[in-house]
Amino acid sequence: MASFTHGGTDALGVPAHDFSTNRNACGPCPAAVEALQAAHVAQYPDPLYTELRAQLAAFHGVAAERIVIGGSSSELIHRLTQHAVRSGADALSLPRHHYGDYLKAAQVWGIPVRPRPADGHPRAGLHWACEPSSPLGALDDIWPVWAKPPLPLSTQSQSREWRVLDCAYRPLWLEGAPPHRDLDSVWQLWTPNKALGMTGVRAAYAIAPLQATALDLSELGDLAASWVVGSHGVAMLQAWVTAPVQHWLAQSLNTLREWKAQQLALCARLGWQVIEGHQANYFVARLPLQLEEMAHKLATLRTQGIKLRDCASFGLPGHVRLGVLPPASQAALEQAWKETEN
């Protein structure tokens, strides 16, 4: 069985101070937790998710037909990849540093990876972007190309172009407001559990672009398992679009900004070199270590309840990604780091 690197809970259990994930550390959102506690679990949810899709569509100002419910963003990544390949996509492009499931899905479905188009012209195939990006939390460089109209989906399959934007961290944008993007021309993936600080609840949704065909939406639905999201996932997504939850999220961003400033100052004190351009509640820093020291150092910290996300799997050896955590966790990190230096 192939092994893929993820942050969060591991064989040692739940880390006391988990910097390795990008969830909102102010959560779980109380109003969303109440919705889960009130979820109706005695019966199956509606297999078509009619009411849920209408609520999500109203929240985003789109037609309900454009909403595709998924078990998680990872599940939708695999399903979109499978459908694109079946529909004629014969190549895939990725950000330089990216979430591993994009590549994993490509390998499973046998679609080759090629360099991103750099000449400003659309290209046939499946193209992934994430903004803020992971792991860097930066602006994505795909937009100069995506500013041009996509190749139409109504032509022969060989010329089809699939543009997918992973919006996992857009609700957690901290450095001003997200830039305006024409999201109606791309497939959007939304994963509210990160913004709500409850990544243990698995549910997500996609918004199809305006040019998506009815056949695309029908076939994507057919590829999903029955009741792909259970009652708790439905409850979380329904809570996501409510005013109390959105108000809590807005307030939490102010807290995260304060914590982030303190965490950046901590990195400076420790001599960690932060990569600039980060926009969200996480960032990447290079540790003052030799590469051969990294694994031992991170393992030692883990035994003290501190978990950092090694960025080697992102193509950034010698670096770690740090989600922003409260001051108490930052103090624990500082103390543990200094103890390992003695």
C-alpha atoms as a PDB file:
ATOM      1  CA  MET A   1       0.000   0.000   0.000  1.00  0.00           C
ATOM      2  CA  ALA A   2       1.429   3.391  -1.011  1.00  0.00           C
ATOM      3  CA  SER A   3       2.201   5.868   1.754  1.00  0.00           C
ATOM      4  CA  PHE A   4       1.331   9.548   1.450  1.00  0.00           C
ATOM      5  CA  THR A   5       2.376  12.313   3.809  1.00  0.00           C
ATOM      6  CA  HIS A   6      -0.328  14.159   5.727  1.00  0.00           C
ATOM      7  CA  GLY A   7      -0.437  16.343   8.796  1.00  0.00           C
ATOM      8  CA  GLY A   8      -2.587  15.784  11.876  1.00  0.00           C
ATOM      9  CA  THR A   9      -3.231  12.656  13.904  1.00  0.00           C
ATOM     10  CA  ASP A  10      -0.660   9.890  13.475  1.00  0.00           C
ATOM     11  CA  ALA A  11       0.395   6.632  15.125  1.00  0.00           C
ATOM     12  CA  LEU A  12       1.213   8.569  18.307  1.00  0.00           C
ATOM     13  CA  GLY A  13      -2.315   9.954  18.482  1.00  0.00           C
ATOM     14  CA  VAL A  14      -3.522  13.548  18.412  1.00  0.00           C
ATOM     15  CA  PRO A  15      -0.614  15.998  18.866  1.00  0.00           C
ATOM     16  CA  ALA A  16      -0.989  18.341  21.813  1.00  0.00           C
ATOM     17  CA  HIS A  17       0.240  21.220  19.648  1.00  0.00           C
ATOM     18  CA  ASP A  18      -0.494  20.417  16.019  1.00  0.00           C
ATOM     19  CA  PHE A  19       1.158  22.924  13.687  1.00  0.00           C
ATOM     20  CA  SER A  20       1.033  20.374  10.859  1.00  0.00           C
ATOM     21  CA  THR A  21      -2.497  21.111   9.595  1.00  0.00           C
ATOM     22  CA  ASN A  22      -4.076  24.277   8.241  1.00  0.00           C
ATOM     23  CA  ARG A  23      -7.352  24.136  10.154  1.00  0.00           C
ATOM     24  CA  ASN A  24      -8.705  27.241  11.842  1.00  0.00           C
ATOM     25  CA  ALA A  25      -7.173  27.013  15.324  1.00  0.00           C
ATOM     26  CA  CYS A  26     -10.017  29.116  16.760  1.00  0.00           C
ATOM     27  CA  GLY A  27     -12.397  26.229  16.126  1.00  0.00           C
ATOM     28  CA  PRO A  28     -14.307  24.077  16.216  1.00  0.00           C
ATOM     29  CA  CYS A  29     -16.975  26.652  15.440  1.00  0.00           C
ATOM     30  CA  PRO A  30     -19.547  26.400  18.283  1.00  0.00           C
ATOM     31  CA  ALA A  31     -22.597  26.974  16.063  1.00  0.00           C
ATOM     32  CA  ALA A  32     -21.435  24.296  13.641  1.00  0.00           C
ATOM     33  CA  VAL A  33     -20.838  21.861  16.506  1.00  0.00           C
ATOM     34  CA  GLU A  34     -24.397  22.486  17.702  1.00  0.00           C
ATOM     35  CA  ALA A  35     -25.659  21.692  14.204  1.00  0.00           C
ATOM     36  CA  LEU A  36     -23.793  18.377  14.252  1.00  0.00           C
ATOM     37  CA  GLN A  37     -25.192  17.516  17.661  1.00  0.00           C
ATOM     38  CA  ALA A  38     -28.707  18.115  16.316  1.00  0.00           C
ATOM     39  CA  ALA A  39     -28.135  16.121  13.106  1.00  0.00           C
ATOM     40  CA  HIS A  40     -30.785  13.528  12.274  1.00  0.00           C
ATOM     41  CA  VAL A  41     -28.860  10.277  12.227  1.00  0.00           C
ATOM     42  CA  ALA A  42     -31.690   7.743  12.299  1.00  0.00           C
ATOM     43  CA  GLN A  43     -32.299   7.928   8.543  1.00  0.00           C
ATOM     44  CA  TYR A  44     -30.293   8.271   5.355  1.00  0.00           C
ATOM     45  CA  PRO A  45     -29.913  11.817   4.061  1.00  0.00           C
ATOM     46  CA  ASP A  46     -31.602  12.725   0.783  1.00  0.00           C
ATOM     47  CA  PRO A  47     -29.426  10.947  -1.827  1.00  0.00           C
ATOM     48  CA  LEU A  48     -29.789  13.938  -4.173  1.00  0.00           C
ATOM     49  CA  TYR A  49     -29.024  16.473  -1.398  1.00  0.00           C
ATOM     50  CA  THR A  50     -31.763  18.684  -2.838  1.00  0.00           C
ATOM     51  CA  GLU A  51     -32.145  21.109   0.066  1.00  0.00           C
ATOM     52  CA  LEU A  52     -28.411  21.230   0.793  1.00  0.00           C
ATOM     53  CA  ARG A  53     -27.533  22.000  -2.826  1.00  0.00           C
ATOM     54  CA  ALA A  54     -30.130  24.775  -2.899  1.00  0.00           C
ATOM     55  CA  GLN A  55     -28.677  26.305   0.257  1.00  0.00           C
ATOM     56  CA  LEU A  56     -25.115  26.182  -1.034  1.00  0.00           C
ATOM     57  CA  ALA A  57     -26.211  27.587  -4.398  1.00  0.00           C
ATOM     58  CA  ALA A  58     -27.983  30.515  -2.738  1.00  0.00           C
ATOM     59  CA  PHE A  59     -24.894  31.204  -0.604  1.00  0.00           C
ATOM     60  CA  HIS A  60     -22.683  31.416  -3.691  1.00  0.00           C
ATOM     61  CA  GLY A  61     -25.287  33.005  -5.989  1.00  0.00           C
ATOM     62  CA  VAL A  62     -25.246  30.184  -8.535  1.00  0.00           C
ATOM     63  CA  ALA A  63     -27.782  27.722  -9.920  1.00  0.00           C
ATOM     64  CA  ALA A  64     -28.335  24.628  -7.801  1.00  0.00           C
ATOM     65  CA  GLU A  65     -27.559  22.452 -10.827  1.00  0.00           C
ATOM     66  CA  ARG A  66     -23.932  23.599 -10.592  1.00  0.00           C
ATOM     67  CA  ILE A  67     -23.424  22.202  -7.071  1.00  0.00           C
ATOM     68  CA  VAL A  68     -21.755  18.788  -6.778  1.00  0.00           C
ATOM     69  CA  ILE A  69     -21.647  17.263  -3.283  1.00  0.00           C
ATOM     70  CA  GLY A  70     -18.526  15.296  -2.327  1.00  0.00           C
ATOM     71  CA  GLY A  71     -17.272  13.208   0.555  1.00  0.00           C
ATOM     72  CA  SER A  72     -14.253  15.521   0.894  1.00  0.00           C
ATOM     73  CA  SER A  73     -12.071  17.628  -1.365  1.00  0.00           C
ATOM     74  CA  SER A  74      -9.830  14.586  -1.810  1.00  0.00           C
ATOM     75  CA  GLU A  75     -12.803  12.500  -2.937  1.00  0.00           C
ATOM     76  CA  LEU A  76     -13.794  15.202  -5.411  1.00  0.00           C
ATOM     77  CA  ILE A  77     -10.204  15.475  -6.666  1.00  0.00           C
ATOM     78  CA  HIS A  78     -10.253  11.792  -7.558  1.00  0.00           C
ATOM     79  CA  ARG A  79     -13.749  11.959  -9.031  1.00  0.00           C
ATOM     80  CA  LEU A  80     -13.024  15.020 -11.161  1.00  0.00           C
ATOM     81  CA  THR A  81      -9.797  13.441 -12.382  1.00  0.00           C
ATOM     82  CA  GLN A  82     -11.569  10.213 -13.294  1.00  0.00           C
ATOM     83  CA  HIS A  83     -14.299  12.080 -15.158  1.00  0.00           C
ATOM     84  CA  ALA A  84     -11.839  14.330 -16.999  1.00  0.00           C
ATOM     85  CA  VAL A  85      -9.828  11.292 -18.137  1.00  0.00           C
ATOM     86  CA  ARG A  86     -12.968   9.487 -19.273  1.00  0.00           C
ATOM     87  CA  SER A  87     -13.964  12.637 -21.153  1.00  0.00           C
ATOM     88  CA  GLY A  88     -10.699  12.856 -23.082  1.00  0.00           C
ATOM     89  CA  ALA A  89      -8.200  14.707 -20.885  1.00  0.00           C
ATOM     90  CA  ASP A  90      -4.817  13.219 -21.768  1.00  0.00           C
ATOM     91  CA  ALA A  91      -2.459  15.431 -19.732  1.00  0.00           C
ATOM     92  CA  LEU A  92      -2.400  17.260 -16.445  1.00  0.00           C
ATOM     93  CA  SER A  93      -0.604  20.335 -15.106  1.00  0.00           C
ATOM     94  CA  LEU A  94       0.111  21.150 -11.468  1.00  0.00           C
ATOM     95  CA  PRO A  95       1.492  23.993  -9.372  1.00  0.00           C
ATOM     96  CA  ARG A  96       5.181  23.607  -8.617  1.00  0.00           C
ATOM     97  CA  HIS A  97       4.324  22.835  -4.979  1.00  0.00           C
ATOM     98  CA  HIS A  98       0.959  21.220  -4.416  1.00  0.00           C
ATOM     99  CA  TYR A  99      -1.322  18.956  -2.411  1.00  0.00           C
ATOM    100  CA  GLY A 100      -0.311  15.354  -3.030  1.00  0.00           C
ATOM    101  CA  ASP A 101      -3.774  14.060  -3.964  1.00  0.00           C
ATOM    102  CA  TYR A 102      -3.700  15.921  -7.302  1.00  0.00           C
ATOM    103  CA  LEU A 103      -0.733  13.811  -8.371  1.00  0.00           C
ATOM    104  CA  LYS A 104      -2.021  10.686  -6.642  1.00  0.00           C
ATOM    105  CA  ALA A 105      -5.270  10.853  -8.631  1.00  0.00           C
ATOM    106  CA  ALA A 106      -3.335  11.414 -11.849  1.00  0.00           C
ATOM    107  CA  GLN A 107      -1.213   8.332 -11.171  1.00  0.00           C
ATOM    108  CA  VAL A 108      -4.269   6.219 -10.367  1.00  0.00           C
ATOM    109  CA  TRP A 109      -6.007   7.195 -13.603  1.00  0.00           C
ATOM    110  CA  GLY A 110      -2.892   7.089 -15.762  1.00  0.00           C
ATOM    111  CA  ILE A 111      -2.810  10.712 -16.897  1.00  0.00           C
ATOM    112  CA  PRO A 112       0.702  12.137 -17.486  1.00  0.00           C
ATOM    113  CA  VAL A 113       1.885  15.375 -15.879  1.00  0.00           C
ATOM    114  CA  ARG A 114       3.342  18.090 -18.103  1.00  0.00           C
ATOM    115  CA  PRO A 115       4.674  21.613 -17.431  1.00  0.00           C
ATOM    116  CA  ARG A 116       2.177  24.387 -16.971  1.00  0.00           C
ATOM    117  CA  PRO A 117       1.486  26.500 -20.060  1.00  0.00           C
ATOM    118  CA  ALA A 118       3.712  29.566 -19.911  1.00  0.00           C
ATOM    119  CA  ASP A 119       2.796  31.342 -23.149  1.00  0.00           C
ATOM    120  CA  GLY A 120      -0.621  32.571 -22.057  1.00  0.00           C
ATOM    121  CA  HIS A 121      -2.537  30.202 -24.327  1.00  0.00           C
ATOM    122  CA  PRO A 122      -5.077  27.697 -22.996  1.00  0.00           C
ATOM    123  CA  ARG A 123      -4.123  24.051 -23.267  1.00  0.00           C
ATOM    124  CA  ALA A 124      -6.213  20.912 -23.475  1.00  0.00           C
ATOM    125  CA  GLY A 125      -6.154  18.711 -20.404  1.00  0.00           C
ATOM    126  CA  LEU A 126      -6.748  18.985 -16.658  1.00  0.00           C
ATOM    127  CA  HIS A 127      -5.173  21.927 -14.826  1.00  0.00           C
ATOM    128  CA  TRP A 128      -5.050  22.324 -11.033  1.00  0.00           C
ATOM    129  CA  ALA A 129      -4.560  25.476  -9.011  1.00  0.00           C
ATOM    130  CA  CYS A 130      -4.959  26.346  -5.325  1.00  0.00           C
ATOM    131  CA  GLU A 131      -5.232  29.844  -3.886  1.00  0.00           C
ATOM    132  CA  PRO A 132      -3.980  30.559  -1.323  1.00  0.00           C
ATOM    133  CA  SER A 133      -1.593  27.827  -2.392  1.00  0.00           C
ATOM    134  CA  SER A 134      -0.441  24.928  -0.289  1.00  0.00           C
ATOM    135  CA  PRO A 135       2.025  24.765   1.303  1.00  0.00           C
ATOM    136  CA  LEU A 136       3.171  28.369   0.735  1.00  0.00           C
ATOM    137  CA  GLY A 137      -0.169  30.114   1.220  1.00  0.00           C
ATOM    138  CA  ALA A 138       0.628  32.416  -1.706  1.00  0.00           C
ATOM    139  CA  LEU A 139      -1.074  33.729  -4.823  1.00  0.00           C
ATOM    140  CA  ASP A 140      -1.215  31.161  -7.608  1.00  0.00           C
ATOM    141  CA  ASP A 141       0.682  31.908 -10.834  1.00  0.00           C
ATOM    142  CA  ILE A 142      -1.925  30.331 -13.120  1.00  0.00           C
ATOM    143  CA  TRP A 143      -4.130  33.421 -13.417  1.00  0.00           C
ATOM    144  CA  PRO A 144      -2.363  35.156 -16.343  1.00  0.00           C
ATOM    145  CA  VAL A 145      -3.158  32.034 -18.396  1.00  0.00           C
ATOM    146  CA  TRP A 146      -6.626  31.555 -16.958  1.00  0.00           C
ATOM    147  CA  ALA A 147      -7.533  35.154 -17.778  1.00  0.00           C
ATOM    148  CA  LYS A 148      -8.059  33.899 -21.329  1.00  0.00           C
ATOM    149  CA  PRO A 149     -11.347  32.074 -22.060  1.00  0.00           C
ATOM    150  CA  PRO A 150     -11.060  28.320 -21.574  1.00  0.00           C
ATOM    151  CA  LEU A 151     -11.219  25.994 -24.534  1.00  0.00           C
ATOM    152  CA  PRO A 152     -14.923  25.209 -24.989  1.00  0.00           C
ATOM    153  CA  LEU A 153     -16.258  21.994 -23.548  1.00  0.00           C
ATOM    154  CA  SER A 154     -18.585  21.484 -26.484  1.00  0.00           C
ATOM    155  CA  THR A 155     -15.857  20.639 -29.000  1.00  0.00           C
ATOM    156  CA  GLN A 156     -14.184  17.283 -29.568  1.00  0.00           C
ATOM    157  CA  SER A 157     -12.749  15.678 -26.470  1.00  0.00           C
ATOM    158  CA  GLN A 158      -9.155  16.166 -27.630  1.00  0.00           C
ATOM    159  CA  SER A 159      -9.474  19.946 -27.211  1.00  0.00           C
ATOM    160  CA  ARG A 160     -11.292  20.016 -23.874  1.00  0.00           C
ATOM    161  CA  GLU A 161      -9.780  22.027 -21.077  1.00  0.00           C
ATOM    162  CA  TRP A 162     -10.533  21.459 -17.406  1.00  0.00           C
ATOM    163  CA  ARG A 163      -9.589  24.213 -14.955  1.00  0.00           C
ATOM    164  CA  VAL A 164     -10.011  23.358 -11.271  1.00  0.00           C
ATOM    165  CA  LEU A 165      -9.374  25.813  -8.430  1.00  0.00           C
ATOM    166  CA  ASP A 166      -8.990  24.374  -4.951  1.00  0.00           C
ATOM    167  CA  CYS A 167     -10.623  26.969  -2.676  1.00  0.00           C
ATOM    168  CA  ALA A 168      -9.818  25.147   0.566  1.00  0.00           C
ATOM    169  CA  TYR A 169      -8.123  28.157   2.137  1.00  0.00           C
ATOM    170  CA  ARG A 170      -9.922  31.117   0.547  1.00  0.00           C
ATOM    171  CA  PRO A 171     -12.145  31.510   3.645  1.00  0.00           C
ATOM    172  CA  LEU A 172      -8.952  31.754   5.731  1.00  0.00           C
ATOM    173  CA  TRP A 173      -7.405  34.636   3.788  1.00  0.00           C
ATOM    174  CA  LEU A 174      -5.730  36.930   6.336  1.00  0.00           C
ATOM    175  CA  GLU A 175      -3.700  39.464   4.338  1.00  0.00           C
ATOM    176  CA  GLY A 176      -6.445  41.785   3.123  1.00  0.00           C
ATOM    177  CA  ALA A 177      -9.234  40.557   0.856  1.00  0.00           C
ATOM    178  CA  PRO A 178      -8.831  37.802  -1.755  1.00  0.00           C
ATOM    179  CA  PRO A 179      -8.201  39.219  -5.246  1.00  0.00           C
ATOM    180  CA  HIS A 180     -11.113  39.220  -7.637  1.00  0.00           C
ATOM    181  CA  ARG A 181     -11.120  36.158  -9.873  1.00  0.00           C
ATOM    182  CA  ASP A 182     -13.537  34.984 -12.552  1.00  0.00           C
ATOM    183  CA  LEU A 183     -14.543  31.843 -10.708  1.00  0.00           C
ATOM    184  CA  ASP A 184     -17.462  31.158 -13.045  1.00  0.00           C
ATOM    185  CA  SER A 185     -14.994  29.897 -15.641  1.00  0.00           C
ATOM    186  CA  VAL A 186     -13.416  27.235 -13.405  1.00  0.00           C
ATOM    187  CA  TRP A 187     -14.438  24.253 -11.329  1.00  0.00           C
ATOM    188  CA  GLN A 188     -14.319  25.340  -7.688  1.00  0.00           C
ATOM    189  CA  LEU A 189     -13.618  22.999  -4.767  1.00  0.00           C
ATOM    190  CA  TRP A 190     -14.859  24.182  -1.354  1.00  0.00           C
ATOM    191  CA  THR A 191     -13.928  22.476   1.929  1.00  0.00           C
ATOM    192  CA  PRO A 192     -15.509  24.382   4.856  1.00  0.00           C
ATOM    193  CA  ASN A 193     -14.251  22.018   7.546  1.00  0.00           C
ATOM    194  CA  LYS A 194     -10.848  23.744   7.513  1.00  0.00           C
ATOM    195  CA  ALA A 195     -12.319  27.208   8.042  1.00  0.00           C
ATOM    196  CA  LEU A 196     -14.615  25.859  10.770  1.00  0.00           C
ATOM    197  CA  GLY A 197     -11.747  24.124  12.582  1.00  0.00           C
ATOM    198  CA  MET A 198     -13.376  20.692  12.325  1.00  0.00           C
ATOM    199  CA  THR A 199     -11.394  18.689   9.795  1.00  0.00           C
ATOM    200  CA  GLY A 200     -12.557  15.459  11.415  1.00  0.00           C
ATOM    201  CA  VAL A 201     -15.909  15.965   9.678  1.00  0.00           C
ATOM    202  CA  ARG A 202     -15.558  15.005   6.021  1.00  0.00           C
ATOM    203  CA  ALA A 203     -17.754  16.813   3.491  1.00  0.00           C
ATOM    204  CA  ALA A 204     -17.135  19.203   0.598  1.00  0.00           C
ATOM    205  CA  TYR A 205     -18.668  20.468  -2.618  1.00  0.00           C
ATOM    206  CA  ALA A 206     -17.726  21.626  -6.082  1.00  0.00           C
ATOM    207  CA  ILE A 207     -19.232  24.424  -8.147  1.00  0.00           C
ATOM    208  CA  ALA A 208     -19.238  23.691 -11.848  1.00  0.00           C
ATOM    209  CA  PRO A 209     -18.239  26.428 -14.321  1.00  0.00           C
ATOM    210  CA  LEU A 210     -20.915  28.054 -16.447  1.00  0.00           C
ATOM    211  CA  GLN A 211     -19.688  26.195 -19.527  1.00  0.00           C
ATOM    212  CA  ALA A 212     -20.040  22.756 -17.908  1.00  0.00           C
ATOM    213  CA  THR A 213     -22.518  20.534 -19.716  1.00  0.00           C
ATOM    214  CA  ALA A 214     -25.487  18.698 -18.265  1.00  0.00           C
ATOM    215  CA  LEU A 215     -23.733  15.485 -19.245  1.00  0.00           C
ATOM    216  CA  ASP A 216     -20.669  16.468 -17.179  1.00  0.00           C
ATOM    217  CA  LEU A 217     -22.816  17.018 -14.099  1.00  0.00           C
ATOM    218  CA  SER A 218     -24.802  13.836 -14.659  1.00  0.00           C
ATOM    219  CA  GLU A 219     -21.692  11.692 -15.096  1.00  0.00           C
ATOM    220  CA  LEU A 220     -19.961  13.233 -12.075  1.00  0.00           C
ATOM    221  CA  GLY A 221     -23.021  12.365 -10.034  1.00  0.00           C
ATOM    222  CA  ASP A 222     -23.006   8.810 -11.363  1.00  0.00           C
ATOM    223  CA  LEU A 223     -19.379   8.366 -10.258  1.00  0.00           C
ATOM    224  CA  ALA A 224     -20.241   9.113  -6.622  1.00  0.00           C
ATOM    225  CA  ALA A 225     -21.149   6.431  -4.126  1.00  0.00           C
ATOM    226  CA  SER A 226     -24.700   6.508  -2.797  1.00  0.00           C
ATOM    227  CA  TRP A 227     -25.054   8.939   0.130  1.00  0.00           C
ATOM    228  CA  VAL A 228     -21.491  10.124  -0.411  1.00  0.00           C
ATOM    229  CA  VAL A 229     -21.962  12.505   2.552  1.00  0.00           C
ATOM    230  CA  GLY A 230     -23.616  11.396   5.778  1.00  0.00           C
ATOM    231  CA  SER A 231     -25.861  13.330   8.123  1.00  0.00           C
ATOM    232  CA  HIS A 232     -23.034  15.003  10.044  1.00  0.00           C
ATOM    233  CA  GLY A 233     -21.391  16.212   6.845  1.00  0.00           C
ATOM    234  CA  VAL A 234     -24.743  17.569   5.654  1.00  0.00           C
ATOM    235  CA  ALA A 235     -25.230  19.360   8.972  1.00  0.00           C
ATOM    236  CA  MET A 236     -21.798  20.962   8.736  1.00  0.00           C
ATOM    237  CA  LEU A 237     -22.348  22.189   5.168  1.00  0.00           C
ATOM    238  CA  GLN A 238     -25.782  23.549   6.057  1.00  0.00           C
ATOM    239  CA  ALA A 239     -24.324  25.357   9.069  1.00  0.00           C
ATOM    240  CA  TRP A 240     -21.536  26.764   6.896  1.00  0.00           C
ATOM    241  CA  VAL A 241     -23.905  29.063   4.985  1.00  0.00           C
ATOM    242  CA  THR A 242     -25.678  30.499   8.055  1.00  0.00           C
ATOM    243  CA  ALA A 243     -25.131  34.032   9.362  1.00  0.00           C
ATOM    244  CA  PRO A 244     -23.949  33.000  12.876  1.00  0.00           C
ATOM    245  CA  VAL A 245     -21.262  30.718  11.459  1.00  0.00           C
ATOM    246  CA  GLN A 246     -20.060  33.297   8.948  1.00  0.00           C
ATOM    247  CA  HIS A 247     -19.951  35.917  11.726  1.00  0.00           C
ATOM    248  CA  TRP A 248     -17.882  33.567  13.884  1.00  0.00           C
ATOM    249  CA  LEU A 249     -15.524  32.975  10.964  1.00  0.00           C
ATOM    250  CA  ALA A 250     -15.054  36.713  10.366  1.00  0.00           C
ATOM    251  CA  GLN A 251     -14.247  37.259  14.051  1.00  0.00           C
ATOM    252  CA  SER A 252     -11.853  34.324  14.090  1.00  0.00           C
ATOM    253  CA  LEU A 253      -9.822  35.837  11.252  1.00  0.00           C
ATOM    254  CA  ASN A 254      -9.027  38.838  13.447  1.00  0.00           C
ATOM    255  CA  THR A 255      -7.750  36.505  16.157  1.00  0.00           C
ATOM    256  CA  LEU A 256      -5.724  34.494  13.657  1.00  0.00           C
ATOM    257  CA  ARG A 257      -4.073  37.671  12.374  1.00  0.00           C
ATOM    258  CA  GLU A 258      -2.883  38.488  15.899  1.00  0.00           C
ATOM    259  CA  TRP A 259      -1.635  34.947  16.475  1.00  0.00           C
ATOM    260  CA  LYS A 260       0.077  34.883  13.104  1.00  0.00           C
ATOM    261  CA  ALA A 261       2.030  38.061  13.855  1.00  0.00           C
ATOM    262  CA  GLN A 262       3.203  36.522  17.131  1.00  0.00           C
ATOM    263  CA  GLN A 263       4.138  33.256  15.421  1.00  0.00           C
ATOM    264  CA  LEU A 264       6.153  35.034  12.757  1.00  0.00           C
ATOM    265  CA  ALA A 265       8.007  36.873  15.512  1.00  0.00           C
ATOM    266  CA  LEU A 266       8.692  33.533  17.191  1.00  0.00           C
ATOM    267  CA  CYS A 267      10.188  32.144  13.976  1.00  0.00           C
ATOM    268  CA  ALA A 268      12.449  35.176  13.760  1.00  0.00           C
ATOM    269  CA  ARG A 269      13.664  34.606  17.328  1.00  0.00           C
ATOM    270  CA  LEU A 270      14.428  30.977  16.536  1.00  0.00           C
ATOM    271  CA  GLY A 271      16.334  31.862  13.372  1.00  0.00           C
ATOM    272  CA  TRP A 272      13.785  30.214  11.052  1.00  0.00           C
ATOM    273  CA  GLN A 273      13.648  31.754   7.559  1.00  0.00           C
ATOM    274  CA  VAL A 274      10.023  32.309   6.566  1.00  0.00           C
ATOM    275  CA  ILE A 275       9.192  32.227   2.851  1.00  0.00           C
ATOM    276  CA  GLU A 276       7.443  35.484   1.996  1.00  0.00           C
ATOM    277  CA  GLY A 277       4.131  35.860   0.166  1.00  0.00           C
ATOM    278  CA  HIS A 278       1.923  33.957   2.614  1.00  0.00           C
ATOM    279  CA  GLN A 279      -1.688  35.131   2.644  1.00  0.00           C
ATOM    280  CA  ALA A 280      -3.487  32.670   4.914  1.00  0.00           C
ATOM    281  CA  ASN A 281      -3.312  31.065   8.364  1.00  0.00           C
ATOM    282  CA  TYR A 282      -0.158  29.098   7.585  1.00  0.00           C
ATOM    283  CA  PHE A 283       3.297  29.648   6.141  1.00  0.00           C
ATOM    284  CA  VAL A 284       6.527  27.808   5.358  1.00  0.00           C
ATOM    285  CA  ALA A 285       9.870  28.292   7.089  1.00  0.00           C
ATOM    286  CA  ARG A 286      13.333  26.878   6.502  1.00  0.00           C
ATOM    287  CA  LEU A 287      14.841  25.447   9.654  1.00  0.00           C
ATOM    288  CA  PRO A 288      18.498  26.146  10.595  1.00  0.00           C
ATOM    289  CA  LEU A 289      19.385  22.469  10.245  1.00  0.00           C
ATOM    290  CA  GLN A 290      21.287  20.204   7.930  1.00  0.00           C
ATOM    291  CA  LEU A 291      18.957  18.050   5.834  1.00  0.00           C
ATOM    292  CA  GLU A 292      20.178  14.892   7.527  1.00  0.00           C
ATOM    293  CA  GLU A 293      19.121  16.356  10.893  1.00  0.00           C
ATOM    294  CA  MET A 294      15.512  17.099   9.896  1.00  0.00           C
ATOM    295  CA  ALA A 295      13.849  13.739  10.471  1.00  0.00           C
ATOM    296  CA  HIS A 296      15.411  13.233  13.901  1.00  0.00           C
ATOM    297  CA  LYS A 297      14.605  16.783  15.000  1.00  0.00           C
ATOM    298  CA  LEU A 298      10.957  16.574  13.944  1.00  0.00           C
ATOM    299  CA  ALA A 299      10.601  13.147  15.546  1.00  0.00           C
ATOM    300  CA  THR A 300      12.036  14.463  18.809  1.00  0.00           C
ATOM    301  CA  LEU A 301       9.623  17.390  18.800  1.00  0.00           C
ATOM    302  CA  ARG A 302       6.759  14.984  18.101  1.00  0.00           C
ATOM    303  CA  THR A 303       7.551  13.023  21.259  1.00  0.00           C
ATOM    304  CA  GLN A 304       7.100  16.311  23.137  1.00  0.00           C
ATOM    305  CA  GLY A 305       3.653  16.888  21.650  1.00  0.00           C
ATOM    306  CA  ILE A 306       4.815  19.259  18.885  1.00  0.00           C
ATOM    307  CA  LYS A 307       4.041  18.310  15.285  1.00  0.00           C
ATOM    308  CA  LEU A 308       5.374  20.265  12.302  1.00  0.00           C
ATOM    309  CA  ARG A 309       4.665  19.421   8.657  1.00  0.00           C
ATOM    310  CA  ASP A 310       7.834  18.375   6.852  1.00  0.00           C
ATOM    311  CA  CYS A 311       7.705  19.983   3.407  1.00  0.00           C
ATOM    312  CA  ALA A 312       9.979  17.499   1.669  1.00  0.00           C
ATOM    313  CA  SER A 313       6.955  15.862   0.024  1.00  0.00           C
ATOM    314  CA  PHE A 314       6.039  19.288  -1.366  1.00  0.00           C
ATOM    315  CA  GLY A 315       9.461  19.583  -2.976  1.00  0.00           C
ATOM    316  CA  LEU A 316      10.835  21.809  -0.205  1.00  0.00           C
ATOM    317  CA  PRO A 317      13.328  19.750   1.809  1.00  0.00           C
ATOM    318  CA  GLY A 318      14.624  21.437   4.926  1.00  0.00           C
ATOM    319  CA  HIS A 319      11.375  23.383   5.339  1.00  0.00           C
ATOM    320  CA  VAL A 320       8.303  22.981   7.514  1.00  0.00           C
ATOM    321  CA  ARG A 321       4.776  24.286   7.115  1.00  0.00           C
ATOM    322  CA  LEU A 322       3.247  25.792  10.234  1.00  0.00           C
ATOM    323  CA  GLY A 323      -0.434  26.368  10.779  1.00  0.00           C
ATOM    324  CA  VAL A 324      -1.072  29.337  13.042  1.00  0.00           C
ATOM    325  CA  LEU A 325      -1.796  28.232  16.623  1.00  0.00           C
ATOM    326  CA  PRO A 326      -2.605  30.093  19.879  1.00  0.00           C
ATOM    327  CA  PRO A 327       0.133  31.697  21.997  1.00  0.00           C
ATOM    328  CA  ALA A 328       0.198  28.766  24.448  1.00  0.00           C
ATOM    329  CA  SER A 329       1.096  26.370  21.635  1.00  0.00           C
ATOM    330  CA  GLN A 330       3.691  28.802  20.324  1.00  0.00           C
ATOM    331  CA  ALA A 331       5.266  28.946  23.776  1.00  0.00           C
ATOM    332  CA  ALA A 332       5.357  25.153  23.900  1.00  0.00           C
ATOM    333  CA  LEU A 333       7.064  25.073  20.503  1.00  0.00           C
ATOM    334  CA  GLU A 334       9.681  27.599  21.579  1.00  0.00           C
ATOM    335  CA  GLN A 335      10.453  25.729  24.780  1.00  0.00           C
ATOM    336  CA  ALA A 336      10.640  22.331  23.057  1.00  0.00           C
ATOM    337  CA  TRP A 337      12.891  23.687  20.292  1.00  0.00           C
ATOM    338  CA  LYS A 338      15.299  25.223  22.768  1.00  0.00           C
ATOM    339  CA  GLU A 339      15.400  22.045  24.838  1.00  0.00           C
ATOM    340  CA  THR A 340      16.365  19.999  21.785  1.00  0.00           C
ATOM    341  CA  GLU A 341      19.261  22.398  21.139  1.00  0.00           C
ATOM    342  CA  ASN A 342      20.802  21.739  24.571  1.00  0.00           C
END
